[in-house]
N, C-alpha and C. Protein backbone atom coordinates (compact mmCIF):
# COMPACT_ATOMS: atom_id res chain seq x y z
N MET A 1 -1.00 14.55 -0.31
CA MET A 1 -0.20 13.42 -0.68
C MET A 1 0.76 13.10 0.46
N CYS A 2 0.93 11.82 0.73
CA CYS A 2 1.84 11.35 1.78
C CYS A 2 2.84 10.39 1.15
N GLN A 3 4.08 10.46 1.60
CA GLN A 3 5.10 9.53 1.14
C GLN A 3 5.89 9.03 2.34
N PHE A 4 6.16 7.73 2.35
CA PHE A 4 6.99 7.17 3.41
C PHE A 4 7.59 5.85 2.94
N SER A 5 8.63 5.41 3.64
CA SER A 5 9.31 4.15 3.35
C SER A 5 9.27 3.27 4.59
N ILE A 6 9.19 1.97 4.35
CA ILE A 6 9.19 1.00 5.44
C ILE A 6 10.28 -0.03 5.14
N ALA A 7 11.22 -0.16 6.06
CA ALA A 7 12.27 -1.18 5.91
C ALA A 7 11.68 -2.55 6.18
N HIS A 8 12.22 -3.57 5.50
CA HIS A 8 11.74 -4.93 5.75
C HIS A 8 12.91 -5.91 5.67
N THR A 9 12.69 -7.07 6.22
CA THR A 9 13.72 -8.11 6.22
C THR A 9 13.25 -9.39 5.52
N THR A 10 12.16 -9.29 4.81
CA THR A 10 11.64 -10.44 4.06
C THR A 10 11.75 -10.12 2.57
N THR A 11 11.09 -10.88 1.74
CA THR A 11 11.16 -10.64 0.30
C THR A 11 10.01 -9.75 -0.15
N PRO A 12 10.22 -8.99 -1.22
CA PRO A 12 9.11 -8.20 -1.78
C PRO A 12 7.92 -9.09 -2.16
N GLU A 13 8.18 -10.30 -2.60
CA GLU A 13 7.10 -11.22 -2.98
C GLU A 13 6.24 -11.59 -1.78
N ALA A 14 6.87 -11.83 -0.63
CA ALA A 14 6.12 -12.17 0.58
C ALA A 14 5.28 -10.98 1.05
N ILE A 15 5.83 -9.80 0.97
CA ILE A 15 5.08 -8.60 1.37
C ILE A 15 3.92 -8.35 0.42
N PHE A 16 4.15 -8.54 -0.88
CA PHE A 16 3.08 -8.36 -1.87
C PHE A 16 1.94 -9.34 -1.60
N ALA A 17 2.26 -10.60 -1.34
CA ALA A 17 1.23 -11.60 -1.05
C ALA A 17 0.45 -11.22 0.20
N ARG A 18 1.13 -10.76 1.22
CA ARG A 18 0.45 -10.36 2.46
C ARG A 18 -0.43 -9.13 2.22
N ALA A 19 0.07 -8.15 1.47
CA ALA A 19 -0.72 -6.96 1.17
C ALA A 19 -1.99 -7.33 0.40
N GLN A 20 -1.87 -8.22 -0.58
CA GLN A 20 -3.05 -8.65 -1.32
C GLN A 20 -4.06 -9.30 -0.39
N LYS A 21 -3.58 -10.12 0.54
CA LYS A 21 -4.48 -10.81 1.46
C LYS A 21 -5.16 -9.83 2.42
N VAL A 22 -4.38 -8.95 3.03
CA VAL A 22 -4.92 -8.01 4.02
C VAL A 22 -5.83 -6.98 3.36
N ILE A 23 -5.34 -6.33 2.31
CA ILE A 23 -6.15 -5.29 1.65
C ILE A 23 -7.36 -5.93 0.97
N GLY A 24 -7.16 -7.09 0.35
CA GLY A 24 -8.29 -7.81 -0.26
C GLY A 24 -9.32 -8.20 0.78
N GLY A 25 -8.87 -8.59 1.97
CA GLY A 25 -9.78 -8.95 3.05
C GLY A 25 -10.60 -7.78 3.55
N MET A 26 -10.11 -6.59 3.29
CA MET A 26 -10.82 -5.37 3.68
C MET A 26 -11.68 -4.84 2.52
N GLY A 27 -11.76 -5.61 1.42
CA GLY A 27 -12.56 -5.21 0.27
C GLY A 27 -11.81 -4.33 -0.71
N GLY A 28 -10.52 -4.18 -0.52
CA GLY A 28 -9.71 -3.35 -1.41
C GLY A 28 -9.02 -4.17 -2.48
N THR A 29 -8.19 -3.49 -3.27
CA THR A 29 -7.47 -4.16 -4.34
C THR A 29 -6.00 -3.74 -4.33
N VAL A 30 -5.17 -4.66 -4.76
CA VAL A 30 -3.76 -4.39 -5.01
C VAL A 30 -3.49 -4.88 -6.42
N THR A 31 -2.99 -4.00 -7.28
CA THR A 31 -2.67 -4.39 -8.65
C THR A 31 -1.20 -4.11 -8.90
N GLY A 32 -0.61 -4.88 -9.77
CA GLY A 32 0.80 -4.71 -10.08
C GLY A 32 1.56 -5.97 -9.76
N SER A 33 2.80 -5.79 -9.30
CA SER A 33 3.66 -6.91 -8.98
C SER A 33 4.34 -6.67 -7.64
N SER A 34 5.24 -7.56 -7.28
CA SER A 34 5.97 -7.38 -6.03
C SER A 34 6.95 -6.21 -6.13
N ALA A 35 7.25 -5.74 -7.32
CA ALA A 35 8.20 -4.63 -7.50
C ALA A 35 7.51 -3.26 -7.48
N ALA A 36 6.30 -3.18 -8.02
CA ALA A 36 5.60 -1.88 -8.09
C ALA A 36 4.13 -2.10 -8.43
N GLY A 37 3.31 -1.18 -7.98
CA GLY A 37 1.89 -1.28 -8.29
C GLY A 37 1.07 -0.23 -7.56
N GLU A 38 -0.22 -0.48 -7.50
CA GLU A 38 -1.17 0.44 -6.90
C GLU A 38 -2.09 -0.30 -5.95
N PHE A 39 -2.69 0.44 -5.03
CA PHE A 39 -3.66 -0.14 -4.11
C PHE A 39 -4.79 0.85 -3.90
N ARG A 40 -5.93 0.28 -3.50
CA ARG A 40 -7.13 1.07 -3.22
C ARG A 40 -7.92 0.33 -2.17
N LEU A 41 -8.33 1.04 -1.13
CA LEU A 41 -9.20 0.45 -0.13
C LEU A 41 -10.13 1.51 0.43
N SER A 42 -11.19 1.06 1.04
CA SER A 42 -12.18 1.95 1.61
C SER A 42 -12.11 1.85 3.13
N VAL A 43 -12.04 3.01 3.78
CA VAL A 43 -12.02 3.09 5.23
C VAL A 43 -13.12 4.04 5.66
N PHE A 44 -14.06 3.56 6.44
CA PHE A 44 -15.19 4.37 6.89
C PHE A 44 -15.91 5.04 5.72
N GLY A 45 -16.01 4.30 4.60
CA GLY A 45 -16.73 4.79 3.44
C GLY A 45 -15.95 5.73 2.54
N ALA A 46 -14.69 6.00 2.86
CA ALA A 46 -13.85 6.88 2.05
C ALA A 46 -12.69 6.08 1.46
N SER A 47 -12.24 6.45 0.27
CA SER A 47 -11.17 5.72 -0.39
C SER A 47 -9.79 6.22 0.01
N ILE A 48 -8.89 5.26 0.14
CA ILE A 48 -7.46 5.55 0.27
C ILE A 48 -6.81 4.90 -0.94
N VAL A 49 -6.11 5.71 -1.72
CA VAL A 49 -5.52 5.26 -2.97
C VAL A 49 -4.04 5.60 -2.96
N GLY A 50 -3.23 4.70 -3.49
CA GLY A 50 -1.81 4.99 -3.54
C GLY A 50 -1.06 4.03 -4.43
N ASN A 51 0.24 4.20 -4.44
CA ASN A 51 1.10 3.32 -5.21
C ASN A 51 2.32 2.97 -4.37
N TYR A 52 3.06 1.98 -4.82
CA TYR A 52 4.22 1.51 -4.08
C TYR A 52 5.30 1.03 -5.04
N THR A 53 6.52 1.05 -4.56
CA THR A 53 7.64 0.38 -5.20
C THR A 53 8.37 -0.36 -4.09
N ALA A 54 8.95 -1.50 -4.43
CA ALA A 54 9.63 -2.31 -3.42
C ALA A 54 11.02 -2.69 -3.90
N THR A 55 11.95 -2.70 -2.96
CA THR A 55 13.30 -3.19 -3.21
C THR A 55 13.54 -4.35 -2.25
N ASP A 56 14.73 -4.86 -2.24
CA ASP A 56 15.06 -5.97 -1.34
C ASP A 56 15.11 -5.54 0.12
N THR A 57 15.14 -4.23 0.39
CA THR A 57 15.28 -3.77 1.77
C THR A 57 14.18 -2.82 2.24
N GLU A 58 13.39 -2.24 1.31
CA GLU A 58 12.34 -1.32 1.75
C GLU A 58 11.21 -1.23 0.75
N ILE A 59 10.09 -0.73 1.26
CA ILE A 59 8.92 -0.46 0.43
C ILE A 59 8.69 1.04 0.50
N ASN A 60 8.54 1.66 -0.67
CA ASN A 60 8.24 3.09 -0.75
C ASN A 60 6.78 3.24 -1.10
N ILE A 61 6.04 3.95 -0.28
CA ILE A 61 4.60 4.09 -0.44
C ILE A 61 4.25 5.56 -0.64
N GLU A 62 3.36 5.81 -1.59
CA GLU A 62 2.84 7.15 -1.82
C GLU A 62 1.32 7.08 -1.79
N ILE A 63 0.71 7.81 -0.87
CA ILE A 63 -0.74 7.90 -0.80
C ILE A 63 -1.13 9.08 -1.69
N THR A 64 -1.92 8.83 -2.72
CA THR A 64 -2.28 9.88 -3.67
C THR A 64 -3.67 10.47 -3.41
N ASP A 65 -4.50 9.74 -2.67
CA ASP A 65 -5.84 10.24 -2.35
C ASP A 65 -6.28 9.61 -1.04
N LYS A 66 -6.78 10.47 -0.14
CA LYS A 66 -7.25 10.02 1.17
C LYS A 66 -8.18 11.07 1.72
N PRO A 67 -9.01 10.70 2.68
CA PRO A 67 -9.85 11.70 3.34
C PRO A 67 -8.97 12.71 4.10
N PHE A 68 -9.35 13.96 4.10
CA PHE A 68 -8.54 14.99 4.74
C PHE A 68 -8.40 14.75 6.24
N MET A 69 -9.36 14.04 6.85
CA MET A 69 -9.32 13.83 8.29
C MET A 69 -8.36 12.71 8.71
N ILE A 70 -7.83 11.97 7.75
CA ILE A 70 -6.84 10.94 8.04
C ILE A 70 -5.47 11.52 7.74
N GLY A 71 -4.62 11.62 8.76
CA GLY A 71 -3.30 12.20 8.60
C GLY A 71 -2.33 11.26 7.91
N CYS A 72 -1.17 11.78 7.59
CA CYS A 72 -0.13 10.97 6.95
C CYS A 72 0.61 10.10 7.96
N GLY A 73 0.60 10.45 9.21
CA GLY A 73 1.32 9.68 10.23
C GLY A 73 0.66 8.37 10.47
């Protein structure tokens, strides 16, 4: 499991819309809202699954499942 936070200077709604577009464009899904939810995408045939919460200043991300060869960094 990996956990990290990313500071931002835009709105959670804008980040949520961008995440849906980017992850959706990669064949993945983002469910939930701009405040909290889950995501799933496939990279090299393996799934990366996680959840997120967002505030006005940062996004907290937790990766709950990933291939062992992909590090948290």
